[in-house]
């Protein structure tokens, strides 16, 4: 049973969408910049991860059934899925009694870890360990920062973190993204440019790994989608996108429940199940969707 708030509790029955789950779960509140309002994720992260964790729960239940012969009733709440994203927030509130406020791209648990504006774009820089921070300071020509803040815990203090991030930001403004990445490789700290979505879409690395796949959906035609992340000896493949509501009724009800077509027709007539109309062509993607470029992937 998958719902926004679960099948018991005071909020049972309340409507939930991705934005509701991000808000009720506290994720939207901690996301955003200091002194500004909360932000929800730019994608339906609560929807996606709820589906993912439901799949994990089903696999766990099947494994339990194999070992014990007993089934499981799974009750999954979208909001409870979101609060799991808040990682160390619970420990922080429990230990300090304080709220967790918004701090932009800065990471309160790692310093430095932030996004910085360069001459020609944005770059992520992370240097948490003593050796990584030393390498970053060497690249910046600021060994004075290393001598003063070599201890990772010392760097987490708010005033120290603000000072360090300010100095890195000033330095990054004098570099191109490529220069920062090359210095990261040379001196041993982590860095990567902040790519745009179309760069990921046409990424040579992702294409070679089969992370982005083009395929012919039997209903929608030519489709391009990210494939499932695990790379296994039995390779993942995409056969279709989202099926229309009621598309598999006859297959499931006859094969697994043993119903006759007459019984299924009666369910249709009584409004128990939804009848999918194959004569209505799904309009997804919309007719004016310009998605023909970049389909010739390996």
C-alpha atoms as a PDB file:
ATOM      1  CA  UNK A   1       0.000   0.000   0.000  1.00  0.00           C
ATOM      2  CA  UNK A   2       1.681   3.187  -1.209  1.00  0.00           C
ATOM      3  CA  UNK A   3       0.307   6.578  -0.216  1.00  0.00           C
ATOM      4  CA  UNK A   4       1.373  10.039   0.821  1.00  0.00           C
ATOM      5  CA  UNK A   5       1.001   9.605   4.568  1.00  0.00           C
ATOM      6  CA  UNK A   6       0.522   5.878   5.165  1.00  0.00           C
ATOM      7  CA  UNK A   7      -2.510   3.751   5.942  1.00  0.00           C
ATOM      8  CA  UNK A   8      -2.729   4.774   9.611  1.00  0.00           C
ATOM      9  CA  UNK A   9      -2.018   7.896  11.653  1.00  0.00           C
ATOM     10  CA  UNK A  10      -3.680  11.329  11.921  1.00  0.00           C
ATOM     11  CA  UNK A  11      -2.805  12.344   8.339  1.00  0.00           C
ATOM     12  CA  UNK A  12      -4.090   9.175   6.655  1.00  0.00           C
ATOM     13  CA  UNK A  13      -6.160  10.018   3.593  1.00  0.00           C
ATOM     14  CA  UNK A  14      -4.586  13.416   2.939  1.00  0.00           C
ATOM     15  CA  UNK A  15      -3.643  14.041  -0.686  1.00  0.00           C
ATOM     16  CA  UNK A  16       0.038  14.097  -1.513  1.00  0.00           C
ATOM     17  CA  UNK A  17       2.023  15.148  -4.560  1.00  0.00           C
ATOM     18  CA  UNK A  18       5.788  15.460  -4.887  1.00  0.00           C
ATOM     19  CA  UNK A  19       5.733  19.084  -3.704  1.00  0.00           C
ATOM     20  CA  UNK A  20       3.574  18.118  -0.719  1.00  0.00           C
ATOM     21  CA  UNK A  21       5.925  15.301   0.282  1.00  0.00           C
ATOM     22  CA  UNK A  22       9.011  17.526  -0.028  1.00  0.00           C
ATOM     23  CA  UNK A  23       7.300  20.153   2.125  1.00  0.00           C
ATOM     24  CA  UNK A  24       5.814  17.857   4.770  1.00  0.00           C
ATOM     25  CA  UNK A  25       9.039  15.852   4.957  1.00  0.00           C
ATOM     26  CA  UNK A  26      11.178  18.921   5.712  1.00  0.00           C
ATOM     27  CA  UNK A  27      13.298  18.676   2.564  1.00  0.00           C
ATOM     28  CA  UNK A  28      12.012  21.881   0.974  1.00  0.00           C
ATOM     29  CA  UNK A  29      12.664  23.841   4.182  1.00  0.00           C
ATOM     30  CA  UNK A  30      16.374  23.010   4.386  1.00  0.00           C
ATOM     31  CA  UNK A  31      16.900  23.561   0.645  1.00  0.00           C
ATOM     32  CA  UNK A  32      17.684  27.083  -0.536  1.00  0.00           C
ATOM     33  CA  UNK A  33      19.902  30.030   0.280  1.00  0.00           C
ATOM     34  CA  UNK A  34      20.384  31.815   3.564  1.00  0.00           C
ATOM     35  CA  UNK A  35      17.915  34.626   4.079  1.00  0.00           C
ATOM     36  CA  UNK A  36      15.654  33.420   1.261  1.00  0.00           C
ATOM     37  CA  UNK A  37      12.636  31.129   1.032  1.00  0.00           C
ATOM     38  CA  UNK A  38      12.575  27.328   0.836  1.00  0.00           C
ATOM     39  CA  UNK A  39      13.039  25.502  -2.469  1.00  0.00           C
ATOM     40  CA  UNK A  40      11.741  22.175  -3.661  1.00  0.00           C
ATOM     41  CA  UNK A  41      13.924  19.975  -5.829  1.00  0.00           C
ATOM     42  CA  UNK A  42      13.830  20.704  -9.541  1.00  0.00           C
ATOM     43  CA  UNK A  43      12.680  17.146 -10.226  1.00  0.00           C
ATOM     44  CA  UNK A  44      10.014  14.860  -8.729  1.00  0.00           C
ATOM     45  CA  UNK A  45      12.539  13.328  -6.373  1.00  0.00           C
ATOM     46  CA  UNK A  46       9.945  12.166  -3.835  1.00  0.00           C
ATOM     47  CA  UNK A  47       7.978  10.326  -6.520  1.00  0.00           C
ATOM     48  CA  UNK A  48      11.027   8.652  -8.014  1.00  0.00           C
ATOM     49  CA  UNK A  49      12.675   7.518  -4.795  1.00  0.00           C
ATOM     50  CA  UNK A  50       9.365   6.295  -3.378  1.00  0.00           C
ATOM     51  CA  UNK A  51       9.002   3.996  -6.390  1.00  0.00           C
ATOM     52  CA  UNK A  52      12.616   2.890  -6.028  1.00  0.00           C
ATOM     53  CA  UNK A  53      12.316   2.063  -2.332  1.00  0.00           C
ATOM     54  CA  UNK A  54       8.995   0.297  -2.932  1.00  0.00           C
ATOM     55  CA  UNK A  55      10.842  -1.988  -5.345  1.00  0.00           C
ATOM     56  CA  UNK A  56      13.489  -2.637  -2.684  1.00  0.00           C
ATOM     57  CA  UNK A  57      10.782  -3.408  -0.118  1.00  0.00           C
ATOM     58  CA  UNK A  58       9.114  -5.869  -2.508  1.00  0.00           C
ATOM     59  CA  UNK A  59      12.421  -7.658  -3.133  1.00  0.00           C
ATOM     60  CA  UNK A  60      12.990  -7.875   0.633  1.00  0.00           C
ATOM     61  CA  UNK A  61       9.472  -9.259   1.149  1.00  0.00           C
ATOM     62  CA  UNK A  62       9.964 -11.848  -1.590  1.00  0.00           C
ATOM     63  CA  UNK A  63      13.233 -12.917   0.009  1.00  0.00           C
ATOM     64  CA  UNK A  64      11.455 -13.259   3.365  1.00  0.00           C
ATOM     65  CA  UNK A  65       8.753 -15.359   1.732  1.00  0.00           C
ATOM     66  CA  UNK A  66      11.363 -17.643   0.161  1.00  0.00           C
ATOM     67  CA  UNK A  67      12.928 -18.250   3.588  1.00  0.00           C
ATOM     68  CA  UNK A  68       9.793 -18.480   5.736  1.00  0.00           C
ATOM     69  CA  UNK A  69       6.863 -19.177   3.428  1.00  0.00           C
ATOM     70  CA  UNK A  70       5.072 -16.109   4.810  1.00  0.00           C
ATOM     71  CA  UNK A  71       4.135 -12.987   2.906  1.00  0.00           C
ATOM     72  CA  UNK A  72       4.441  -9.352   3.966  1.00  0.00           C
ATOM     73  CA  UNK A  73       2.022  -6.433   4.006  1.00  0.00           C
ATOM     74  CA  UNK A  74       4.004  -3.378   2.869  1.00  0.00           C
ATOM     75  CA  UNK A  75       2.808   0.070   3.913  1.00  0.00           C
ATOM     76  CA  UNK A  76       4.884   2.822   2.318  1.00  0.00           C
ATOM     77  CA  UNK A  77       4.536   6.547   2.974  1.00  0.00           C
ATOM     78  CA  UNK A  78       5.930   9.073   0.511  1.00  0.00           C
ATOM     79  CA  UNK A  79       6.488  11.627   3.285  1.00  0.00           C
ATOM     80  CA  UNK A  80       8.401   9.127   5.430  1.00  0.00           C
ATOM     81  CA  UNK A  81      10.547   8.407   2.400  1.00  0.00           C
ATOM     82  CA  UNK A  82      11.444  12.103   2.200  1.00  0.00           C
ATOM     83  CA  UNK A  83      12.404  12.514   5.850  1.00  0.00           C
ATOM     84  CA  UNK A  84      15.032   9.818   5.274  1.00  0.00           C
ATOM     85  CA  UNK A  85      16.771  12.267   2.904  1.00  0.00           C
ATOM     86  CA  UNK A  86      17.545  14.562   5.813  1.00  0.00           C
ATOM     87  CA  UNK A  87      20.417  12.257   6.893  1.00  0.00           C
ATOM     88  CA  UNK A  88      22.307  13.749   9.850  1.00  0.00           C
ATOM     89  CA  UNK A  89      19.627  16.424  10.440  1.00  0.00           C
ATOM     90  CA  UNK A  90      17.911  14.247  13.064  1.00  0.00           C
ATOM     91  CA  UNK A  91      21.122  13.787  15.047  1.00  0.00           C
ATOM     92  CA  UNK A  92      21.833  17.513  14.810  1.00  0.00           C
ATOM     93  CA  UNK A  93      18.400  18.521  16.125  1.00  0.00           C
ATOM     94  CA  UNK A  94      18.528  15.847  18.826  1.00  0.00           C
ATOM     95  CA  UNK A  95      21.961  16.872  20.089  1.00  0.00           C
ATOM     96  CA  UNK A  96      21.645  20.664  19.786  1.00  0.00           C
ATOM     97  CA  UNK A  97      17.910  21.274  20.123  1.00  0.00           C
ATOM     98  CA  UNK A  98      18.265  23.716  17.220  1.00  0.00           C
ATOM     99  CA  UNK A  99      16.563  23.897  13.851  1.00  0.00           C
ATOM    100  CA  UNK A 100      18.523  23.249  10.655  1.00  0.00           C
ATOM    101  CA  UNK A 101      18.447  26.351   8.491  1.00  0.00           C
ATOM    102  CA  UNK A 102      19.180  26.934   4.804  1.00  0.00           C
ATOM    103  CA  UNK A 103      22.785  27.503   3.781  1.00  0.00           C
ATOM    104  CA  UNK A 104      22.663  27.342  -0.019  1.00  0.00           C
ATOM    105  CA  UNK A 105      25.169  25.020  -1.684  1.00  0.00           C
ATOM    106  CA  UNK A 106      27.405  24.913   1.363  1.00  0.00           C
ATOM    107  CA  UNK A 107      27.613  21.552   3.147  1.00  0.00           C
ATOM    108  CA  UNK A 108      27.316  21.949   6.923  1.00  0.00           C
ATOM    109  CA  UNK A 109      28.974  18.561   7.545  1.00  0.00           C
ATOM    110  CA  UNK A 110      31.944  18.979   5.161  1.00  0.00           C
ATOM    111  CA  UNK A 111      34.140  22.036   4.627  1.00  0.00           C
ATOM    112  CA  UNK A 112      34.952  22.989   2.002  1.00  0.00           C
ATOM    113  CA  UNK A 113      32.129  21.523  -0.079  1.00  0.00           C
ATOM    114  CA  UNK A 114      30.325  24.056  -2.226  1.00  0.00           C
ATOM    115  CA  UNK A 115      29.663  25.299  -5.757  1.00  0.00           C
ATOM    116  CA  UNK A 116      31.805  28.160  -7.027  1.00  0.00           C
ATOM    117  CA  UNK A 117      31.488  30.596  -9.924  1.00  0.00           C
ATOM    118  CA  UNK A 118      34.435  30.539 -12.337  1.00  0.00           C
ATOM    119  CA  UNK A 119      35.239  32.654 -15.386  1.00  0.00           C
ATOM    120  CA  UNK A 120      33.217  30.453 -17.707  1.00  0.00           C
ATOM    121  CA  UNK A 121      30.837  28.449 -15.542  1.00  0.00           C
ATOM    122  CA  UNK A 122      30.266  26.809 -12.194  1.00  0.00           C
ATOM    123  CA  UNK A 123      32.379  24.163 -10.499  1.00  0.00           C
ATOM    124  CA  UNK A 124      31.964  21.927  -7.442  1.00  0.00           C
ATOM    125  CA  UNK A 125      34.925  21.732  -5.067  1.00  0.00           C
ATOM    126  CA  UNK A 126      35.197  19.323  -2.137  1.00  0.00           C
ATOM    127  CA  UNK A 127      38.292  18.895   0.048  1.00  0.00           C
ATOM    128  CA  UNK A 128      37.347  17.405   3.417  1.00  0.00           C
ATOM    129  CA  UNK A 129      40.297  15.271   4.515  1.00  0.00           C
ATOM    130  CA  UNK A 130      43.495  16.918   5.716  1.00  0.00           C
ATOM    131  CA  UNK A 131      45.387  15.783   2.593  1.00  0.00           C
ATOM    132  CA  UNK A 132      42.653  16.992   0.236  1.00  0.00           C
ATOM    133  CA  UNK A 133      42.493  20.372   1.940  1.00  0.00           C
ATOM    134  CA  UNK A 134      46.278  20.637   1.817  1.00  0.00           C
ATOM    135  CA  UNK A 135      46.183  19.959  -1.930  1.00  0.00           C
ATOM    136  CA  UNK A 136      43.524  22.625  -2.469  1.00  0.00           C
ATOM    137  CA  UNK A 137      45.524  25.166  -0.483  1.00  0.00           C
ATOM    138  CA  UNK A 138      48.618  24.318  -2.529  1.00  0.00           C
ATOM    139  CA  UNK A 139      46.662  24.829  -5.745  1.00  0.00           C
ATOM    140  CA  UNK A 140      45.434  28.193  -4.447  1.00  0.00           C
ATOM    141  CA  UNK A 141      48.851  29.246  -3.188  1.00  0.00           C
ATOM    142  CA  UNK A 142      47.276  29.690   0.256  1.00  0.00           C
ATOM    143  CA  UNK A 143      49.181  27.415   2.599  1.00  0.00           C
ATOM    144  CA  UNK A 144      48.333  29.882   5.346  1.00  0.00           C
ATOM    145  CA  UNK A 145      44.777  28.529   5.235  1.00  0.00           C
ATOM    146  CA  UNK A 146      46.056  24.978   5.603  1.00  0.00           C
ATOM    147  CA  UNK A 147      48.303  25.883   8.542  1.00  0.00           C
ATOM    148  CA  UNK A 148      45.372  27.518  10.291  1.00  0.00           C
ATOM    149  CA  UNK A 149      42.577  25.064   9.399  1.00  0.00           C
ATOM    150  CA  UNK A 150      44.220  21.673   8.815  1.00  0.00           C
ATOM    151  CA  UNK A 151      41.819  20.026  11.274  1.00  0.00           C
ATOM    152  CA  UNK A 152      38.561  19.133   9.433  1.00  0.00           C
ATOM    153  CA  UNK A 153      36.508  19.711  12.595  1.00  0.00           C
ATOM    154  CA  UNK A 154      38.002  23.172  13.051  1.00  0.00           C
ATOM    155  CA  UNK A 155      36.891  24.055   9.527  1.00  0.00           C
ATOM    156  CA  UNK A 156      33.277  23.177  10.371  1.00  0.00           C
ATOM    157  CA  UNK A 157      32.936  26.045  12.838  1.00  0.00           C
ATOM    158  CA  UNK A 158      30.645  28.573  11.213  1.00  0.00           C
ATOM    159  CA  UNK A 159      32.953  31.579  11.181  1.00  0.00           C
ATOM    160  CA  UNK A 160      35.872  29.482   9.930  1.00  0.00           C
ATOM    161  CA  UNK A 161      33.772  27.847   7.200  1.00  0.00           C
ATOM    162  CA  UNK A 162      32.525  31.204   5.971  1.00  0.00           C
ATOM    163  CA  UNK A 163      36.070  32.555   5.779  1.00  0.00           C
ATOM    164  CA  UNK A 164      37.400  29.494   3.909  1.00  0.00           C
ATOM    165  CA  UNK A 165      34.545  29.449   1.411  1.00  0.00           C
ATOM    166  CA  UNK A 166      34.924  33.187   0.799  1.00  0.00           C
ATOM    167  CA  UNK A 167      38.626  32.753  -0.020  1.00  0.00           C
ATOM    168  CA  UNK A 168      37.924  29.819  -2.354  1.00  0.00           C
ATOM    169  CA  UNK A 169      35.178  31.796  -4.088  1.00  0.00           C
ATOM    170  CA  UNK A 170      37.540  34.709  -4.744  1.00  0.00           C
ATOM    171  CA  UNK A 171      40.179  32.320  -6.101  1.00  0.00           C
ATOM    172  CA  UNK A 172      37.714  30.438  -8.333  1.00  0.00           C
ATOM    173  CA  UNK A 173      36.662  33.676 -10.004  1.00  0.00           C
ATOM    174  CA  UNK A 174      40.181  33.969 -11.470  1.00  0.00           C
ATOM    175  CA  UNK A 175      40.098  30.467 -13.025  1.00  0.00           C
ATOM    176  CA  UNK A 176      38.259  28.681 -15.773  1.00  0.00           C
ATOM    177  CA  UNK A 177      36.354  25.489 -14.967  1.00  0.00           C
ATOM    178  CA  UNK A 178      38.936  23.421 -16.835  1.00  0.00           C
ATOM    179  CA  UNK A 179      41.803  25.028 -14.909  1.00  0.00           C
ATOM    180  CA  UNK A 180      40.167  24.144 -11.575  1.00  0.00           C
ATOM    181  CA  UNK A 181      39.537  20.548 -12.678  1.00  0.00           C
ATOM    182  CA  UNK A 182      43.137  20.164 -13.842  1.00  0.00           C
ATOM    183  CA  UNK A 183      44.424  21.544 -10.531  1.00  0.00           C
ATOM    184  CA  UNK A 184      42.165  19.100  -8.693  1.00  0.00           C
ATOM    185  CA  UNK A 185      43.708  16.185 -10.593  1.00  0.00           C
ATOM    186  CA  UNK A 186      47.202  17.508  -9.912  1.00  0.00           C
ATOM    187  CA  UNK A 187      46.840  18.279  -6.211  1.00  0.00           C
ATOM    188  CA  UNK A 188      44.373  15.604  -5.122  1.00  0.00           C
ATOM    189  CA  UNK A 189      41.126  17.333  -4.198  1.00  0.00           C
ATOM    190  CA  UNK A 190      37.704  16.693  -5.746  1.00  0.00           C
ATOM    191  CA  UNK A 191      36.256  18.956  -8.410  1.00  0.00           C
ATOM    192  CA  UNK A 192      33.831  18.788 -11.308  1.00  0.00           C
ATOM    193  CA  UNK A 193      32.111  21.301 -13.533  1.00  0.00           C
ATOM    194  CA  UNK A 194      28.388  21.813 -13.051  1.00  0.00           C
ATOM    195  CA  UNK A 195      27.082  20.519 -16.353  1.00  0.00           C
ATOM    196  CA  UNK A 196      23.906  21.562 -18.073  1.00  0.00           C
ATOM    197  CA  UNK A 197      21.191  19.007 -18.754  1.00  0.00           C
ATOM    198  CA  UNK A 198      21.877  18.804 -22.484  1.00  0.00           C
ATOM    199  CA  UNK A 199      25.534  18.080 -21.717  1.00  0.00           C
ATOM    200  CA  UNK A 200      24.428  15.038 -19.736  1.00  0.00           C
ATOM    201  CA  UNK A 201      22.055  14.097 -22.565  1.00  0.00           C
ATOM    202  CA  UNK A 202      24.877  13.994 -25.110  1.00  0.00           C
ATOM    203  CA  UNK A 203      27.569  12.788 -22.706  1.00  0.00           C
ATOM    204  CA  UNK A 204      30.024  10.428 -24.398  1.00  0.00           C
ATOM    205  CA  UNK A 205      30.674   8.687 -21.077  1.00  0.00           C
ATOM    206  CA  UNK A 206      26.990   8.044 -20.348  1.00  0.00           C
ATOM    207  CA  UNK A 207      26.326   6.892 -23.896  1.00  0.00           C
ATOM    208  CA  UNK A 208      29.201   4.424 -23.847  1.00  0.00           C
ATOM    209  CA  UNK A 209      27.964   2.938 -20.571  1.00  0.00           C
ATOM    210  CA  UNK A 210      24.420   2.598 -21.891  1.00  0.00           C
ATOM    211  CA  UNK A 211      23.103   4.944 -19.220  1.00  0.00           C
ATOM    212  CA  UNK A 212      21.027   6.753 -21.848  1.00  0.00           C
ATOM    213  CA  UNK A 213      19.058   4.542 -24.219  1.00  0.00           C
ATOM    214  CA  UNK A 214      16.971   5.087 -27.318  1.00  0.00           C
ATOM    215  CA  UNK A 215      14.232   2.560 -27.999  1.00  0.00           C
ATOM    216  CA  UNK A 216      10.911   2.133 -29.783  1.00  0.00           C
ATOM    217  CA  UNK A 217       7.964   2.154 -27.399  1.00  0.00           C
ATOM    218  CA  UNK A 218       5.054   0.124 -28.852  1.00  0.00           C
ATOM    219  CA  UNK A 219       2.611   2.917 -27.966  1.00  0.00           C
ATOM    220  CA  UNK A 220       4.580   6.162 -28.029  1.00  0.00           C
ATOM    221  CA  UNK A 221       7.162   5.509 -30.743  1.00  0.00           C
ATOM    222  CA  UNK A 222      10.810   6.540 -30.492  1.00  0.00           C
ATOM    223  CA  UNK A 223      11.847   7.356 -26.925  1.00  0.00           C
ATOM    224  CA  UNK A 224      15.059   8.415 -25.184  1.00  0.00           C
ATOM    225  CA  UNK A 225      15.386   7.763 -21.456  1.00  0.00           C
ATOM    226  CA  UNK A 226      18.021   7.140 -18.787  1.00  0.00           C
ATOM    227  CA  UNK A 227      18.463   3.425 -18.247  1.00  0.00           C
ATOM    228  CA  UNK A 228      18.518   1.844 -14.785  1.00  0.00           C
ATOM    229  CA  UNK A 229      21.835   2.552 -13.025  1.00  0.00           C
ATOM    230  CA  UNK A 230      23.053  -0.943 -12.005  1.00  0.00           C
ATOM    231  CA  UNK A 231      25.368  -2.477 -14.614  1.00  0.00           C
ATOM    232  CA  UNK A 232      25.018  -6.251 -14.279  1.00  0.00           C
ATOM    233  CA  UNK A 233      26.053  -9.295 -16.276  1.00  0.00           C
ATOM    234  CA  UNK A 234      22.413  -9.466 -17.331  1.00  0.00           C
ATOM    235  CA  UNK A 235      22.214  -5.988 -18.854  1.00  0.00           C
ATOM    236  CA  UNK A 236      19.209  -3.772 -18.231  1.00  0.00           C
ATOM    237  CA  UNK A 237      17.109  -2.713 -21.192  1.00  0.00           C
ATOM    238  CA  UNK A 238      14.085  -0.517 -21.727  1.00  0.00           C
ATOM    239  CA  UNK A 239      11.096  -1.930 -23.596  1.00  0.00           C
ATOM    240  CA  UNK A 240       8.379   0.626 -22.890  1.00  0.00           C
ATOM    241  CA  UNK A 241       7.620   3.755 -20.910  1.00  0.00           C
ATOM    242  CA  UNK A 242       4.614   4.211 -18.651  1.00  0.00           C
ATOM    243  CA  UNK A 243       1.706   1.976 -19.634  1.00  0.00           C
ATOM    244  CA  UNK A 244      -1.719   3.622 -19.867  1.00  0.00           C
ATOM    245  CA  UNK A 245      -4.118   2.889 -17.017  1.00  0.00           C
ATOM    246  CA  UNK A 246      -5.845  -0.435 -17.688  1.00  0.00           C
ATOM    247  CA  UNK A 247      -3.451  -1.484 -20.461  1.00  0.00           C
ATOM    248  CA  UNK A 248      -2.602  -4.863 -18.877  1.00  0.00           C
ATOM    249  CA  UNK A 249      -5.984  -5.648 -17.300  1.00  0.00           C
ATOM    250  CA  UNK A 250      -6.827  -8.694 -19.399  1.00  0.00           C
ATOM    251  CA  UNK A 251      -3.334 -10.159 -19.199  1.00  0.00           C
ATOM    252  CA  UNK A 252      -3.097  -9.887 -15.402  1.00  0.00           C
ATOM    253  CA  UNK A 253      -6.662 -10.882 -14.609  1.00  0.00           C
ATOM    254  CA  UNK A 254      -6.690 -13.953 -16.875  1.00  0.00           C
ATOM    255  CA  UNK A 255      -3.124 -15.199 -16.359  1.00  0.00           C
ATOM    256  CA  UNK A 256      -2.746 -14.601 -12.606  1.00  0.00           C
ATOM    257  CA  UNK A 257      -6.308 -14.477 -11.254  1.00  0.00           C
ATOM    258  CA  UNK A 258      -7.885 -16.979 -13.633  1.00  0.00           C
ATOM    259  CA  UNK A 259     -10.840 -14.768 -14.573  1.00  0.00           C
ATOM    260  CA  UNK A 260     -12.728 -15.338 -17.793  1.00  0.00           C
ATOM    261  CA  UNK A 261     -13.268 -12.571 -20.353  1.00  0.00           C
ATOM    262  CA  UNK A 262     -16.964 -12.544 -19.416  1.00  0.00           C
ATOM    263  CA  UNK A 263     -16.066 -11.912 -15.779  1.00  0.00           C
ATOM    264  CA  UNK A 264     -13.663  -9.142 -16.788  1.00  0.00           C
ATOM    265  CA  UNK A 265     -16.324  -7.560 -19.008  1.00  0.00           C
ATOM    266  CA  UNK A 266     -18.706  -7.527 -16.051  1.00  0.00           C
ATOM    267  CA  UNK A 267     -16.072  -5.723 -13.958  1.00  0.00           C
ATOM    268  CA  UNK A 268     -15.753  -3.142 -16.724  1.00  0.00           C
ATOM    269  CA  UNK A 269     -19.499  -2.610 -16.881  1.00  0.00           C
ATOM    270  CA  UNK A 270     -19.779  -2.232 -13.098  1.00  0.00           C
ATOM    271  CA  UNK A 271     -16.973   0.329 -13.068  1.00  0.00           C
ATOM    272  CA  UNK A 272     -14.750  -1.806 -10.846  1.00  0.00           C
ATOM    273  CA  UNK A 273     -11.810  -1.551 -13.257  1.00  0.00           C
ATOM    274  CA  UNK A 274     -10.911   1.058 -15.856  1.00  0.00           C
ATOM    275  CA  UNK A 275     -11.274   0.223 -19.546  1.00  0.00           C
ATOM    276  CA  UNK A 276      -8.352   1.443 -21.644  1.00  0.00           C
ATOM    277  CA  UNK A 277      -9.344   2.675 -25.103  1.00  0.00           C
ATOM    278  CA  UNK A 278      -6.753   1.534 -27.675  1.00  0.00           C
ATOM    279  CA  UNK A 279      -8.251   3.891 -30.275  1.00  0.00           C
ATOM    280  CA  UNK A 280      -7.160   6.934 -28.269  1.00  0.00           C
ATOM    281  CA  UNK A 281      -3.541   7.637 -29.196  1.00  0.00           C
ATOM    282  CA  UNK A 282      -1.501   8.714 -26.130  1.00  0.00           C
ATOM    283  CA  UNK A 283      -0.156  12.251 -26.528  1.00  0.00           C
ATOM    284  CA  UNK A 284       3.149  11.780 -24.772  1.00  0.00           C
ATOM    285  CA  UNK A 285       5.488  13.163 -25.814  1.00  0.00           C
ATOM    286  CA  UNK A 286       3.420  16.028 -27.278  1.00  0.00           C
ATOM    287  CA  UNK A 287       3.282  16.299 -31.086  1.00  0.00           C
ATOM    288  CA  UNK A 288       5.657  19.294 -31.183  1.00  0.00           C
ATOM    289  CA  UNK A 289       8.318  17.577 -29.054  1.00  0.00           C
ATOM    290  CA  UNK A 290      11.714  18.101 -30.689  1.00  0.00           C
ATOM    291  CA  UNK A 291      13.395  14.923 -29.548  1.00  0.00           C
ATOM    292  CA  UNK A 292      14.803  13.488 -32.768  1.00  0.00           C
ATOM    293  CA  UNK A 293      18.378  14.660 -32.337  1.00  0.00           C
ATOM    294  CA  UNK A 294      20.824  12.540 -30.439  1.00  0.00           C
ATOM    295  CA  UNK A 295      18.945   9.258 -30.830  1.00  0.00           C
ATOM    296  CA  UNK A 296      21.728   7.284 -32.490  1.00  0.00           C
ATOM    297  CA  UNK A 297      23.355   5.973 -29.357  1.00  0.00           C
ATOM    298  CA  UNK A 298      25.621   2.901 -29.247  1.00  0.00           C
END
